[in-house]
PDB file of N, CA and C in Angstrom:
ATOM      1  N   MET A   1       0.834  -1.171   0.000  1.00  0.00           N
ATOM      2  CA  MET A   1       0.000   0.000   0.000  1.00  0.00           C
ATOM      3  C   MET A   1       0.878   1.231   0.000  1.00  0.00           C
ATOM      4  N   ASP A   2       0.496   2.189  -0.768  1.00  0.00           N
ATOM      5  CA  ASP A   2       1.269   3.411  -0.906  1.00  0.00           C
ATOM      6  C   ASP A   2       0.288   4.520  -1.248  1.00  0.00           C
ATOM      7  N   VAL A   3       0.477   5.680  -0.663  1.00  0.00           N
ATOM      8  CA  VAL A   3      -0.432   6.789  -0.918  1.00  0.00           C
ATOM      9  C   VAL A   3      -0.282   7.321  -2.355  1.00  0.00           C
ATOM     10  N   GLN A   4       0.857   7.075  -2.982  1.00  0.00           N
ATOM     11  CA  GLN A   4       1.079   7.503  -4.363  1.00  0.00           C
ATOM     12  C   GLN A   4       0.483   6.459  -5.314  1.00  0.00           C
ATOM     13  N   LYS A   5      -0.612   6.811  -5.963  1.00  0.00           N
ATOM     14  CA  LYS A   5      -1.301   5.860  -6.840  1.00  0.00           C
ATOM     15  C   LYS A   5      -0.401   5.349  -7.963  1.00  0.00           C
ATOM     16  N   SER A   6       0.469   6.207  -8.496  1.00  0.00           N
ATOM     17  CA  SER A   6       1.357   5.778  -9.579  1.00  0.00           C
ATOM     18  C   SER A   6       2.328   4.692  -9.117  1.00  0.00           C
ATOM     19  N   ASN A   7       2.766   4.741  -7.862  1.00  0.00           N
ATOM     20  CA  ASN A   7       3.653   3.694  -7.334  1.00  0.00           C
ATOM     21  C   ASN A   7       2.937   2.354  -7.280  1.00  0.00           C
ATOM     22  N   ILE A   8       1.677   2.375  -6.864  1.00  0.00           N
ATOM     23  CA  ILE A   8       0.882   1.145  -6.799  1.00  0.00           C
ATOM     24  C   ILE A   8       0.655   0.581  -8.194  1.00  0.00           C
ATOM     25  N   GLU A   9       0.341   1.463  -9.143  1.00  0.00           N
ATOM     26  CA  GLU A   9       0.109   1.014 -10.520  1.00  0.00           C
ATOM     27  C   GLU A   9       1.374   0.394 -11.118  1.00  0.00           C
ATOM     28  N   ASN A  10       2.537   1.003 -10.845  1.00  0.00           N
ATOM     29  CA  ASN A  10       3.809   0.455 -11.339  1.00  0.00           C
ATOM     30  C   ASN A  10       4.109  -0.898 -10.706  1.00  0.00           C
ATOM     31  N   LEU A  11       3.905  -1.014  -9.399  1.00  0.00           N
ATOM     32  CA  LEU A  11       4.137  -2.273  -8.702  1.00  0.00           C
ATOM     33  C   LEU A  11       3.218  -3.364  -9.246  1.00  0.00           C
ATOM     34  N   GLU A  12       1.950  -3.030  -9.417  1.00  0.00           N
ATOM     35  CA  GLU A  12       0.985  -4.005  -9.933  1.00  0.00           C
ATOM     36  C   GLU A  12       1.380  -4.474 -11.334  1.00  0.00           C
ATOM     37  N   ALA A  13       1.811  -3.548 -12.192  1.00  0.00           N
ATOM     38  CA  ALA A  13       2.218  -3.904 -13.552  1.00  0.00           C
ATOM     39  C   ALA A  13       3.440  -4.827 -13.538  1.00  0.00           C
ATOM     40  N   GLU A  14       4.404  -4.537 -12.682  1.00  0.00           N
ATOM     41  CA  GLU A  14       5.608  -5.370 -12.588  1.00  0.00           C
ATOM     42  C   GLU A  14       5.276  -6.774 -12.081  1.00  0.00           C
ATOM     43  N   ILE A  15       4.415  -6.861 -11.086  1.00  0.00           N
ATOM     44  CA  ILE A  15       4.040  -8.175 -10.547  1.00  0.00           C
ATOM     45  C   ILE A  15       3.241  -8.964 -11.579  1.00  0.00           C
ATOM     46  N   LYS A  16       2.339  -8.297 -12.290  1.00  0.00           N
ATOM     47  CA  LYS A  16       1.586  -8.986 -13.340  1.00  0.00           C
ATOM     48  C   LYS A  16       2.523  -9.527 -14.410  1.00  0.00           C
ATOM     49  N   ALA A  17       3.539  -8.753 -14.765  1.00  0.00           N
ATOM     50  CA  ALA A  17       4.503  -9.196 -15.780  1.00  0.00           C
ATOM     51  C   ALA A  17       5.286 -10.408 -15.277  1.00  0.00           C
ATOM     52  N   LEU A  18       5.659 -10.401 -14.004  1.00  0.00           N
ATOM     53  CA  LEU A  18       6.400 -11.530 -13.435  1.00  0.00           C
ATOM     54  C   LEU A  18       5.542 -12.790 -13.349  1.00  0.00           C
ATOM     55  N   LEU A  19       4.305 -12.630 -12.911  1.00  0.00           N
ATOM     56  CA  LEU A  19       3.424 -13.788 -12.706  1.00  0.00           C
ATOM     57  C   LEU A  19       2.709 -14.215 -13.977  1.00  0.00           C
ATOM     58  N   GLN A  20       2.678 -13.363 -14.966  1.00  0.00           N
ATOM     59  CA  GLN A  20       2.035 -13.634 -16.251  1.00  0.00           C
ATOM     60  C   GLN A  20       0.631 -14.206 -16.086  1.00  0.00           C
ATOM     61  N   GLY A  21      -0.156 -13.530 -15.216  1.00  0.00           N
ATOM     62  CA  GLY A  21      -1.555 -13.926 -15.025  1.00  0.00           C
ATOM     63  C   GLY A  21      -1.742 -15.219 -14.270  1.00  0.00           C
ATOM     64  N   GLY A  22      -0.773 -15.624 -13.488  1.00  0.00           N
ATOM     65  CA  GLY A  22      -0.859 -16.878 -12.741  1.00  0.00           C
ATOM     66  C   GLY A  22      -1.954 -16.869 -11.692  1.00  0.00           C
ATOM     67  N   ALA A  23      -2.154 -18.002 -11.062  1.00  0.00           N
ATOM     68  CA  ALA A  23      -3.226 -18.173 -10.077  1.00  0.00           C
ATOM     69  C   ALA A  23      -3.020 -17.309  -8.832  1.00  0.00           C
ATOM     70  N   MET A  24      -1.779 -16.921  -8.558  1.00  0.00           N
ATOM     71  CA  MET A  24      -1.490 -16.128  -7.363  1.00  0.00           C
ATOM     72  C   MET A  24      -1.966 -14.683  -7.520  1.00  0.00           C
ATOM     73  N   LEU A  25      -2.004 -14.177  -8.714  1.00  0.00           N
ATOM     74  CA  LEU A  25      -2.303 -12.764  -8.954  1.00  0.00           C
ATOM     75  C   LEU A  25      -3.618 -12.288  -8.341  1.00  0.00           C
ATOM     76  N   PRO A  26      -4.724 -13.016  -8.443  1.00  0.00           N
ATOM     77  CA  PRO A  26      -5.972 -12.527  -7.839  1.00  0.00           C
ATOM     78  C   PRO A  26      -5.917 -12.410  -6.312  1.00  0.00           C
ATOM     79  N   ARG A  27      -4.977 -13.082  -5.674  1.00  0.00           N
ATOM     80  CA  ARG A  27      -4.858 -13.024  -4.217  1.00  0.00           C
ATOM     81  C   ARG A  27      -4.082 -11.807  -3.723  1.00  0.00           C
ATOM     82  N   ILE A  28      -3.383 -11.123  -4.605  1.00  0.00           N
ATOM     83  CA  ILE A  28      -2.559  -9.985  -4.205  1.00  0.00           C
ATOM     84  C   ILE A  28      -3.426  -8.733  -4.167  1.00  0.00           C
ATOM     85  N   GLN A  29      -3.350  -8.013  -3.063  1.00  0.00           N
ATOM     86  CA  GLN A  29      -4.138  -6.797  -2.905  1.00  0.00           C
ATOM     87  C   GLN A  29      -3.240  -5.581  -3.120  1.00  0.00           C
ATOM     88  N   PHE A  30      -3.720  -4.652  -3.896  1.00  0.00           N
ATOM     89  CA  PHE A  30      -3.028  -3.390  -4.135  1.00  0.00           C
ATOM     90  C   PHE A  30      -3.932  -2.272  -3.663  1.00  0.00           C
ATOM     91  N   SER A  31      -3.377  -1.312  -2.972  1.00  0.00           N
ATOM     92  CA  SER A  31      -4.195  -0.214  -2.457  1.00  0.00           C
ATOM     93  C   SER A  31      -3.332   1.010  -2.227  1.00  0.00           C
ATOM     94  N   ASN A  32      -3.958   2.176  -2.286  1.00  0.00           N
ATOM     95  CA  ASN A  32      -3.229   3.399  -1.953  1.00  0.00           C
ATOM     96  C   ASN A  32      -3.888   4.120  -0.782  1.00  0.00           C
ATOM     97  N   ILE A  33      -4.381   3.331   0.179  1.00  0.00           N
ATOM     98  CA  ILE A  33      -4.963   3.887   1.398  1.00  0.00           C
ATOM     99  C   ILE A  33      -3.843   4.416   2.269  1.00  0.00           C
ATOM    100  N   GLN A  34      -4.007   5.631   2.764  1.00  0.00           N
ATOM    101  CA  GLN A  34      -3.001   6.194   3.663  1.00  0.00           C
ATOM    102  C   GLN A  34      -3.132   5.555   5.037  1.00  0.00           C
ATOM    103  N   VAL A  35      -2.012   5.103   5.566  1.00  0.00           N
ATOM    104  CA  VAL A  35      -1.991   4.430   6.854  1.00  0.00           C
ATOM    105  C   VAL A  35      -2.176   5.446   7.970  1.00  0.00           C
ATOM    106  N   GLY A  36      -3.097   5.133   8.873  1.00  0.00           N
ATOM    107  CA  GLY A  36      -3.338   5.944  10.056  1.00  0.00           C
ATOM    108  C   GLY A  36      -3.486   5.031  11.255  1.00  0.00           C
ATOM    109  N   LEU A  37      -3.800   5.604  12.394  1.00  0.00           N
ATOM    110  CA  LEU A  37      -3.905   4.807  13.610  1.00  0.00           C
ATOM    111  C   LEU A  37      -5.030   3.776  13.552  1.00  0.00           C
ATOM    112  N   ASP A  38      -6.049   4.004  12.720  1.00  0.00           N
ATOM    113  CA  ASP A  38      -7.173   3.075  12.620  1.00  0.00           C
ATOM    114  C   ASP A  38      -7.037   2.121  11.434  1.00  0.00           C
ATOM    115  N   PHE A  39      -5.874   2.058  10.838  1.00  0.00           N
ATOM    116  CA  PHE A  39      -5.665   1.285   9.620  1.00  0.00           C
ATOM    117  C   PHE A  39      -5.962  -0.198   9.802  1.00  0.00           C
ATOM    118  N   SER A  40      -5.668  -0.744  10.981  1.00  0.00           N
ATOM    119  CA  SER A  40      -5.880  -2.184  11.185  1.00  0.00           C
ATOM    120  C   SER A  40      -7.357  -2.564  11.042  1.00  0.00           C
ATOM    121  N   GLN A  41      -8.276  -1.625  11.293  1.00  0.00           N
ATOM    122  CA  GLN A  41      -9.699  -1.918  11.113  1.00  0.00           C
ATOM    123  C   GLN A  41     -10.115  -1.878   9.639  1.00  0.00           C
ATOM    124  N   GLN A  42      -9.308  -1.243   8.788  1.00  0.00           N
ATOM    125  CA  GLN A  42      -9.644  -1.113   7.375  1.00  0.00           C
ATOM    126  C   GLN A  42      -9.177  -2.305   6.542  1.00  0.00           C
ATOM    127  N   ILE A  43      -8.281  -3.111   7.080  1.00  0.00           N
ATOM    128  CA  ILE A  43      -7.703  -4.222   6.330  1.00  0.00           C
ATOM    129  C   ILE A  43      -8.643  -5.423   6.373  1.00  0.00           C
ATOM    130  N   LYS A  44      -8.839  -6.018   5.223  1.00  0.00           N
ATOM    131  CA  LYS A  44      -9.642  -7.244   5.124  1.00  0.00           C
ATOM    132  C   LYS A  44      -8.705  -8.361   4.677  1.00  0.00           C
ATOM    133  N   ILE A  45      -8.441  -9.309   5.588  1.00  0.00           N
ATOM    134  CA  ILE A  45      -7.540 -10.421   5.300  1.00  0.00           C
ATOM    135  C   ILE A  45      -8.315 -11.722   5.466  1.00  0.00           C
ATOM    136  N   ALA A  46      -8.260 -12.558   4.446  1.00  0.00           N
ATOM    137  CA  ALA A  46      -8.904 -13.874   4.547  1.00  0.00           C
ATOM    138  C   ALA A  46      -8.263 -14.647   5.695  1.00  0.00           C
ATOM    139  N   THR A  47      -9.046 -15.458   6.382  1.00  0.00           N
ATOM    140  CA  THR A  47      -8.538 -16.139   7.575  1.00  0.00           C
ATOM    141  C   THR A  47      -7.840 -17.454   7.269  1.00  0.00           C
ATOM    142  N   ASN A  48      -7.877 -17.920   6.048  1.00  0.00           N
ATOM    143  CA  ASN A  48      -7.341 -19.248   5.769  1.00  0.00           C
ATOM    144  C   ASN A  48      -6.030 -19.255   4.986  1.00  0.00           C
ATOM    145  N   ILE A  49      -5.414 -18.091   4.781  1.00  0.00           N
ATOM    146  CA  ILE A  49      -4.167 -18.072   4.021  1.00  0.00           C
ATOM    147  C   ILE A  49      -3.103 -17.273   4.768  1.00  0.00           C
ATOM    148  N   PRO A  50      -1.838 -17.697   4.658  1.00  0.00           N
ATOM    149  CA  PRO A  50      -0.764 -16.904   5.251  1.00  0.00           C
ATOM    150  C   PRO A  50      -0.547 -15.636   4.421  1.00  0.00           C
ATOM    151  N   VAL A  51      -0.100 -14.591   5.097  1.00  0.00           N
ATOM    152  CA  VAL A  51       0.081 -13.295   4.454  1.00  0.00           C
ATOM    153  C   VAL A  51       1.495 -12.800   4.733  1.00  0.00           C
ATOM    154  N   LEU A  52       2.162 -12.288   3.704  1.00  0.00           N
ATOM    155  CA  LEU A  52       3.440 -11.616   3.880  1.00  0.00           C
ATOM    156  C   LEU A  52       3.177 -10.127   3.704  1.00  0.00           C
ATOM    157  N   SER A  53       3.475  -9.347   4.734  1.00  0.00           N
ATOM    158  CA  SER A  53       3.236  -7.905   4.694  1.00  0.00           C
ATOM    159  C   SER A  53       4.542  -7.160   4.873  1.00  0.00           C
ATOM    160  N   PHE A  54       4.702  -6.110   4.095  1.00  0.00           N
ATOM    161  CA  PHE A  54       5.822  -5.199   4.269  1.00  0.00           C
ATOM    162  C   PHE A  54       5.225  -3.851   4.610  1.00  0.00           C
ATOM    163  N   VAL A  55       5.538  -3.334   5.790  1.00  0.00           N
ATOM    164  CA  VAL A  55       4.975  -2.074   6.267  1.00  0.00           C
ATOM    165  C   VAL A  55       6.112  -1.068   6.361  1.00  0.00           C
ATOM    166  N   ASP A  56       5.987  -0.008   5.612  1.00  0.00           N
ATOM    167  CA  ASP A  56       6.986   1.056   5.644  1.00  0.00           C
ATOM    168  C   ASP A  56       6.265   2.361   5.921  1.00  0.00           C
ATOM    169  N   PRO A  57       5.925   2.579   7.189  1.00  0.00           N
ATOM    170  CA  PRO A  57       5.249   3.836   7.505  1.00  0.00           C
ATOM    171  C   PRO A  57       6.234   4.978   7.379  1.00  0.00           C
ATOM    172  N   TRP A  58       5.814   6.053   6.829  1.00  0.00           N
ATOM    173  CA  TRP A  58       6.697   7.206   6.692  1.00  0.00           C
ATOM    174  C   TRP A  58       7.009   7.700   8.095  1.00  0.00           C
ATOM    175  N   GLY A  59       8.183   7.345   8.586  1.00  0.00           N
ATOM    176  CA  GLY A  59       8.518   7.604   9.978  1.00  0.00           C
ATOM    177  C   GLY A  59       7.983   6.460  10.816  1.00  0.00           C
ATOM    178  N   TYR A  60       6.926   6.680  11.540  1.00  0.00           N
ATOM    179  CA  TYR A  60       6.287   5.624  12.331  1.00  0.00           C
ATOM    180  C   TYR A  60       4.789   5.831  12.428  1.00  0.00           C
ATOM    181  N   LYS A  61       4.271   6.814  11.742  1.00  0.00           N
ATOM    182  CA  LYS A  61       2.839   7.091  11.748  1.00  0.00           C
ATOM    183  C   LYS A  61       2.074   5.886  11.215  1.00  0.00           C
ATOM    184  N   GLY A  62       1.131   5.417  12.003  1.00  0.00           N
ATOM    185  CA  GLY A  62       0.293   4.304  11.584  1.00  0.00           C
ATOM    186  C   GLY A  62       0.809   2.934  11.967  1.00  0.00           C
ATOM    187  N   LEU A  63       2.060   2.841  12.405  1.00  0.00           N
ATOM    188  CA  LEU A  63       2.588   1.566  12.852  1.00  0.00           C
ATOM    189  C   LEU A  63       2.110   1.330  14.281  1.00  0.00           C
ATOM    190  N   THR A  64       1.266   0.339  14.456  1.00  0.00           N
ATOM    191  CA  THR A  64       0.726   0.029  15.787  1.00  0.00           C
ATOM    192  C   THR A  64       0.849  -1.462  16.046  1.00  0.00           C
ATOM    193  N   MET A  65       0.820  -1.826  17.318  1.00  0.00           N
ATOM    194  CA  MET A  65       0.828  -3.246  17.670  1.00  0.00           C
ATOM    195  C   MET A  65      -0.431  -3.924  17.131  1.00  0.00           C
ATOM    196  N   GLU A  66      -1.540  -3.214  17.121  1.00  0.00           N
ATOM    197  CA  GLU A  66      -2.788  -3.785  16.588  1.00  0.00           C
ATOM    198  C   GLU A  66      -2.641  -4.107  15.097  1.00  0.00           C
ATOM    199  N   LEU A  67      -1.982  -3.220  14.348  1.00  0.00           N
ATOM    200  CA  LEU A  67      -1.751  -3.472  12.929  1.00  0.00           C
ATOM    201  C   LEU A  67      -0.885  -4.709  12.746  1.00  0.00           C
ATOM    202  N   ILE A  68       0.198  -4.801  13.493  1.00  0.00           N
ATOM    203  CA  ILE A  68       1.082  -5.962  13.366  1.00  0.00           C
ATOM    204  C   ILE A  68       0.339  -7.243  13.735  1.00  0.00           C
ATOM    205  N   ARG A  69      -0.448  -7.212  14.819  1.00  0.00           N
ATOM    206  CA  ARG A  69      -1.245  -8.384  15.209  1.00  0.00           C
ATOM    207  C   ARG A  69      -2.209  -8.797  14.096  1.00  0.00           C
ATOM    208  N   THR A  70      -2.855  -7.795  13.473  1.00  0.00           N
ATOM    209  CA  THR A  70      -3.796  -8.080  12.389  1.00  0.00           C
ATOM    210  C   THR A  70      -3.085  -8.747  11.216  1.00  0.00           C
ATOM    211  N   LEU A  71      -1.894  -8.275  10.889  1.00  0.00           N
ATOM    212  CA  LEU A  71      -1.166  -8.793   9.736  1.00  0.00           C
ATOM    213  C   LEU A  71      -0.596 -10.191   9.957  1.00  0.00           C
ATOM    214  N   ILE A  72      -0.326 -10.556  11.207  1.00  0.00           N
ATOM    215  CA  ILE A  72       0.273 -11.871  11.469  1.00  0.00           C
ATOM    216  C   ILE A  72      -0.688 -12.854  12.129  1.00  0.00           C
ATOM    217  N   LYS A  73      -1.975 -12.524  12.156  1.00  0.00           N
ATOM    218  CA  LYS A  73      -2.929 -13.386  12.872  1.00  0.00           C
ATOM    219  C   LYS A  73      -3.102 -14.752  12.215  1.00  0.00           C
ATOM    220  N   ASN A  74      -2.940 -14.841  10.924  1.00  0.00           N
ATOM    221  CA  ASN A  74      -3.098 -16.131  10.243  1.00  0.00           C
ATOM    222  C   ASN A  74      -1.848 -16.990  10.436  1.00  0.00           C
ATOM    223  N   ASN A  75      -2.061 -18.280  10.579  1.00  0.00           N
ATOM    224  CA  ASN A  75      -0.963 -19.209  10.729  1.00  0.00           C
ATOM    225  C   ASN A  75      -0.021 -19.104   9.526  1.00  0.00           C
ATOM    226  N   GLY A  76       1.272 -18.945   9.781  1.00  0.00           N
ATOM    227  CA  GLY A  76       2.260 -18.846   8.713  1.00  0.00           C
ATOM    228  C   GLY A  76       2.485 -17.443   8.196  1.00  0.00           C
ATOM    229  N   SER A  77       1.778 -16.449   8.722  1.00  0.00           N
ATOM    230  CA  SER A  77       1.929 -15.071   8.253  1.00  0.00           C
ATOM    231  C   SER A  77       3.188 -14.430   8.817  1.00  0.00           C
ATOM    232  N   GLU A  78       3.735 -13.503   8.065  1.00  0.00           N
ATOM    233  CA  GLU A  78       4.935 -12.784   8.473  1.00  0.00           C
ATOM    234  C   GLU A  78       4.735 -11.294   8.195  1.00  0.00           C
ATOM    235  N   CYS A  79       5.393 -10.467   9.000  1.00  0.00           N
ATOM    236  CA  CYS A  79       5.327  -9.020   8.805  1.00  0.00           C
ATOM    237  C   CYS A  79       6.737  -8.454   8.894  1.00  0.00           C
ATOM    238  N   ILE A  80       7.113  -7.728   7.888  1.00  0.00           N
ATOM    239  CA  ILE A  80       8.393  -7.020   7.855  1.00  0.00           C
ATOM    240  C   ILE A  80       8.032  -5.544   7.961  1.00  0.00           C
ATOM    241  N   PHE A  81       8.597  -4.854   8.941  1.00  0.00           N
ATOM    242  CA  PHE A  81       8.279  -3.437   9.041  1.00  0.00           C
ATOM    243  C   PHE A  81       9.534  -2.615   9.262  1.00  0.00           C
ATOM    244  N   PHE A  82       9.485  -1.406   8.760  1.00  0.00           N
ATOM    245  CA  PHE A  82      10.590  -0.477   8.902  1.00  0.00           C
ATOM    246  C   PHE A  82      10.431   0.222  10.234  1.00  0.00           C
ATOM    247  N   PHE A  83      11.437   0.149  11.059  1.00  0.00           N
ATOM    248  CA  PHE A  83      11.421   0.784  12.372  1.00  0.00           C
ATOM    249  C   PHE A  83      12.554   1.793  12.406  1.00  0.00           C
ATOM    250  N   ASN A  84      12.205   3.054  12.335  1.00  0.00           N
ATOM    251  CA  ASN A  84      13.201   4.120  12.295  1.00  0.00           C
ATOM    252  C   ASN A  84      13.575   4.512  13.725  1.00  0.00           C
ATOM    253  N   TYR A  85      14.608   3.898  14.242  1.00  0.00           N
ATOM    254  CA  TYR A  85      15.023   4.118  15.631  1.00  0.00           C
ATOM    255  C   TYR A  85      15.305   5.596  15.913  1.00  0.00           C
ATOM    256  N   ASN A  86      15.966   6.278  15.006  1.00  0.00           N
ATOM    257  CA  ASN A  86      16.301   7.688  15.245  1.00  0.00           C
ATOM    258  C   ASN A  86      15.055   8.550  15.422  1.00  0.00           C
ATOM    259  N   ARG A  87      14.054   8.328  14.589  1.00  0.00           N
ATOM    260  CA  ARG A  87      12.810   9.106  14.700  1.00  0.00           C
ATOM    261  C   ARG A  87      12.058   8.762  15.981  1.00  0.00           C
ATOM    262  N   ILE A  88      12.030   7.486  16.339  1.00  0.00           N
ATOM    263  CA  ILE A  88      11.367   7.067  17.576  1.00  0.00           C
ATOM    264  C   ILE A  88      12.083   7.682  18.772  1.00  0.00           C
ATOM    265  N   ASN A  89      13.393   7.623  18.773  1.00  0.00           N
ATOM    266  CA  ASN A  89      14.185   8.164  19.869  1.00  0.00           C
ATOM    267  C   ASN A  89      13.938   9.666  20.030  1.00  0.00           C
ATOM    268  N   MET A  90      13.885  10.393  18.912  1.00  0.00           N
ATOM    269  CA  MET A  90      13.606  11.832  18.985  1.00  0.00           C
ATOM    270  C   MET A  90      12.210  12.093  19.554  1.00  0.00           C
ATOM    271  N   ALA A  91      11.232  11.295  19.133  1.00  0.00           N
ATOM    272  CA  ALA A  91       9.858  11.491  19.609  1.00  0.00           C
ATOM    273  C   ALA A  91       9.742  11.163  21.097  1.00  0.00           C
ATOM    274  N   LEU A  92      10.471  10.168  21.541  1.00  0.00           N
ATOM    275  CA  LEU A  92      10.415   9.791  22.952  1.00  0.00           C
ATOM    276  C   LEU A  92      11.023  10.863  23.855  1.00  0.00           C
ATOM    277  N   SER A  93      11.958  11.624  23.327  1.00  0.00           N
ATOM    278  CA  SER A  93      12.634  12.609  24.166  1.00  0.00           C
ATOM    279  C   SER A  93      12.081  14.023  23.982  1.00  0.00           C
ATOM    280  N   SER A  94      10.999  14.168  23.232  1.00  0.00           N
ATOM    281  CA  SER A  94      10.448  15.498  22.986  1.00  0.00           C
ATOM    282  C   SER A  94       9.106  15.691  23.692  1.00  0.00           C
ATOM    283  N   ASN A  95       8.362  16.680  23.229  1.00  0.00           N
ATOM    284  CA  ASN A  95       7.071  17.006  23.849  1.00  0.00           C
ATOM    285  C   ASN A  95       6.004  15.949  23.567  1.00  0.00           C
ATOM    286  N   LYS A  96       4.778  16.237  23.922  1.00  0.00           N
ATOM    287  CA  LYS A  96       3.668  15.284  23.809  1.00  0.00           C
ATOM    288  C   LYS A  96       3.072  15.198  22.403  1.00  0.00           C
ATOM    289  N   LEU A  97       3.616  15.925  21.454  1.00  0.00           N
ATOM    290  CA  LEU A  97       3.077  15.978  20.095  1.00  0.00           C
ATOM    291  C   LEU A  97       2.981  14.594  19.443  1.00  0.00           C
ATOM    292  N   PHE A  98       3.912  13.710  19.767  1.00  0.00           N
ATOM    293  CA  PHE A  98       3.966  12.404  19.109  1.00  0.00           C
ATOM    294  C   PHE A  98       3.442  11.268  19.985  1.00  0.00           C
ATOM    295  N   ASP A  99       2.923  11.583  21.153  1.00  0.00           N
ATOM    296  CA  ASP A  99       2.506  10.549  22.106  1.00  0.00           C
ATOM    297  C   ASP A  99       1.489   9.567  21.531  1.00  0.00           C
ATOM    298  N   GLU A 100       0.543  10.046  20.752  1.00  0.00           N
ATOM    299  CA  GLU A 100      -0.489   9.170  20.191  1.00  0.00           C
ATOM    300  C   GLU A 100       0.140   8.065  19.341  1.00  0.00           C
ATOM    301  N   HIS A 101       1.118   8.432  18.524  1.00  0.00           N
ATOM    302  CA  HIS A 101       1.777   7.451  17.659  1.00  0.00           C
ATOM    303  C   HIS A 101       2.671   6.508  18.462  1.00  0.00           C
ATOM    304  N   LEU A 102       3.362   7.052  19.454  1.00  0.00           N
ATOM    305  CA  LEU A 102       4.215   6.218  20.307  1.00  0.00           C
ATOM    306  C   LEU A 102       3.384   5.213  21.092  1.00  0.00           C
ATOM    307  N   GLU A 103       2.225   5.643  21.574  1.00  0.00           N
ATOM    308  CA  GLU A 103       1.335   4.739  22.300  1.00  0.00           C
ATOM    309  C   GLU A 103       0.794   3.644  21.388  1.00  0.00           C
ATOM    310  N   GLY A 104       0.613   3.957  20.109  1.00  0.00           N
ATOM    311  CA  GLY A 104       0.176   2.943  19.153  1.00  0.00           C
ATOM    312  C   GLY A 104       1.213   1.849  18.972  1.00  0.00           C
ATOM    313  N   ILE A 105       2.473   2.216  19.049  1.00  0.00           N
ATOM    314  CA  ILE A 105       3.554   1.245  18.881  1.00  0.00           C
ATOM    315  C   ILE A 105       3.818   0.466  20.169  1.00  0.00           C
ATOM    316  N   PHE A 106       3.965   1.189  21.271  1.00  0.00           N
ATOM    317  CA  PHE A 106       4.423   0.577  22.514  1.00  0.00           C
ATOM    318  C   PHE A 106       3.322   0.334  23.541  1.00  0.00           C
ATOM    319  N   GLY A 107       2.174   0.971  23.382  1.00  0.00           N
ATOM    320  CA  GLY A 107       1.140   0.966  24.415  1.00  0.00           C
ATOM    321  C   GLY A 107       1.369   2.171  25.317  1.00  0.00           C
ATOM    322  N   ALA A 108       0.317   2.657  25.946  1.00  0.00           N
ATOM    323  CA  ALA A 108       0.400   3.896  26.739  1.00  0.00           C
ATOM    324  C   ALA A 108       1.376   3.763  27.904  1.00  0.00           C
ATOM    325  N   GLU A 109       1.298   2.667  28.615  1.00  0.00           N
ATOM    326  CA  GLU A 109       2.143   2.495  29.801  1.00  0.00           C
ATOM    327  C   GLU A 109       3.626   2.402  29.422  1.00  0.00           C
ATOM    328  N   ALA A 110       3.934   1.590  28.418  1.00  0.00           N
ATOM    329  CA  ALA A 110       5.337   1.412  28.006  1.00  0.00           C
ATOM    330  C   ALA A 110       5.883   2.708  27.400  1.00  0.00           C
ATOM    331  N   ALA A 111       5.084   3.416  26.615  1.00  0.00           N
ATOM    332  CA  ALA A 111       5.556   4.682  26.021  1.00  0.00           C
ATOM    333  C   ALA A 111       5.864   5.691  27.110  1.00  0.00           C
ATOM    334  N   SER A 112       5.004   5.769  28.114  1.00  0.00           N
ATOM    335  CA  SER A 112       5.240   6.681  29.225  1.00  0.00           C
ATOM    336  C   SER A 112       6.510   6.315  29.979  1.00  0.00           C
ATOM    337  N   LYS A 113       6.708   5.038  30.201  1.00  0.00           N
ATOM    338  CA  LYS A 113       7.909   4.583  30.910  1.00  0.00           C
ATOM    339  C   LYS A 113       9.171   4.892  30.105  1.00  0.00           C
ATOM    340  N   LEU A 114       9.126   4.638  28.799  1.00  0.00           N
ATOM    341  CA  LEU A 114      10.278   4.929  27.937  1.00  0.00           C
ATOM    342  C   LEU A 114      10.609   6.415  27.964  1.00  0.00           C
ATOM    343  N   LYS A 115       9.575   7.260  27.868  1.00  0.00           N
ATOM    344  CA  LYS A 115       9.799   8.711  27.891  1.00  0.00           C
ATOM    345  C   LYS A 115      10.425   9.149  29.211  1.00  0.00           C
ATOM    346  N   SER A 116       9.970   8.589  30.314  1.00  0.00           N
ATOM    347  CA  SER A 116      10.518   8.989  31.606  1.00  0.00           C
ATOM    348  C   SER A 116      11.966   8.508  31.772  1.00  0.00           C
ATOM    349  N   GLU A 117      12.284   7.343  31.203  1.00  0.00           N
ATOM    350  CA  GLU A 117      13.651   6.832  31.296  1.00  0.00           C
ATOM    351  C   GLU A 117      14.625   7.644  30.446  1.00  0.00           C
ATOM    352  N   LEU A 118      14.138   8.212  29.357  1.00  0.00           N
ATOM    353  CA  LEU A 118      15.013   9.029  28.520  1.00  0.00           C
ATOM    354  C   LEU A 118      15.138  10.416  29.084  1.00  0.00           C
TER     355      LEU A 118
END
């Protein structure tokens, strides 16, 4: 998923060329929905197939434990996500502006504890 529609269209075209209309193609979902804190409720994943997800939130916006749980709930599912330590570290040591996103990743109690330790 990518907010840039042209990126999704290019990715879809490349995958179609690689798979040449194979049986796997209808199972692949392409979307340009912008990831937010409620994104895990917007995802529709069949319960009987493993899913490989790559999550690259711009910074860490939208990356939540609920999202990761949703993506790996099926047996055999895997999730690869980009975790920008420098951005997280800066947010943990600054004001409350980023608390909502930090709580989505770590939970309210753990985010508060991390902030106090830093």
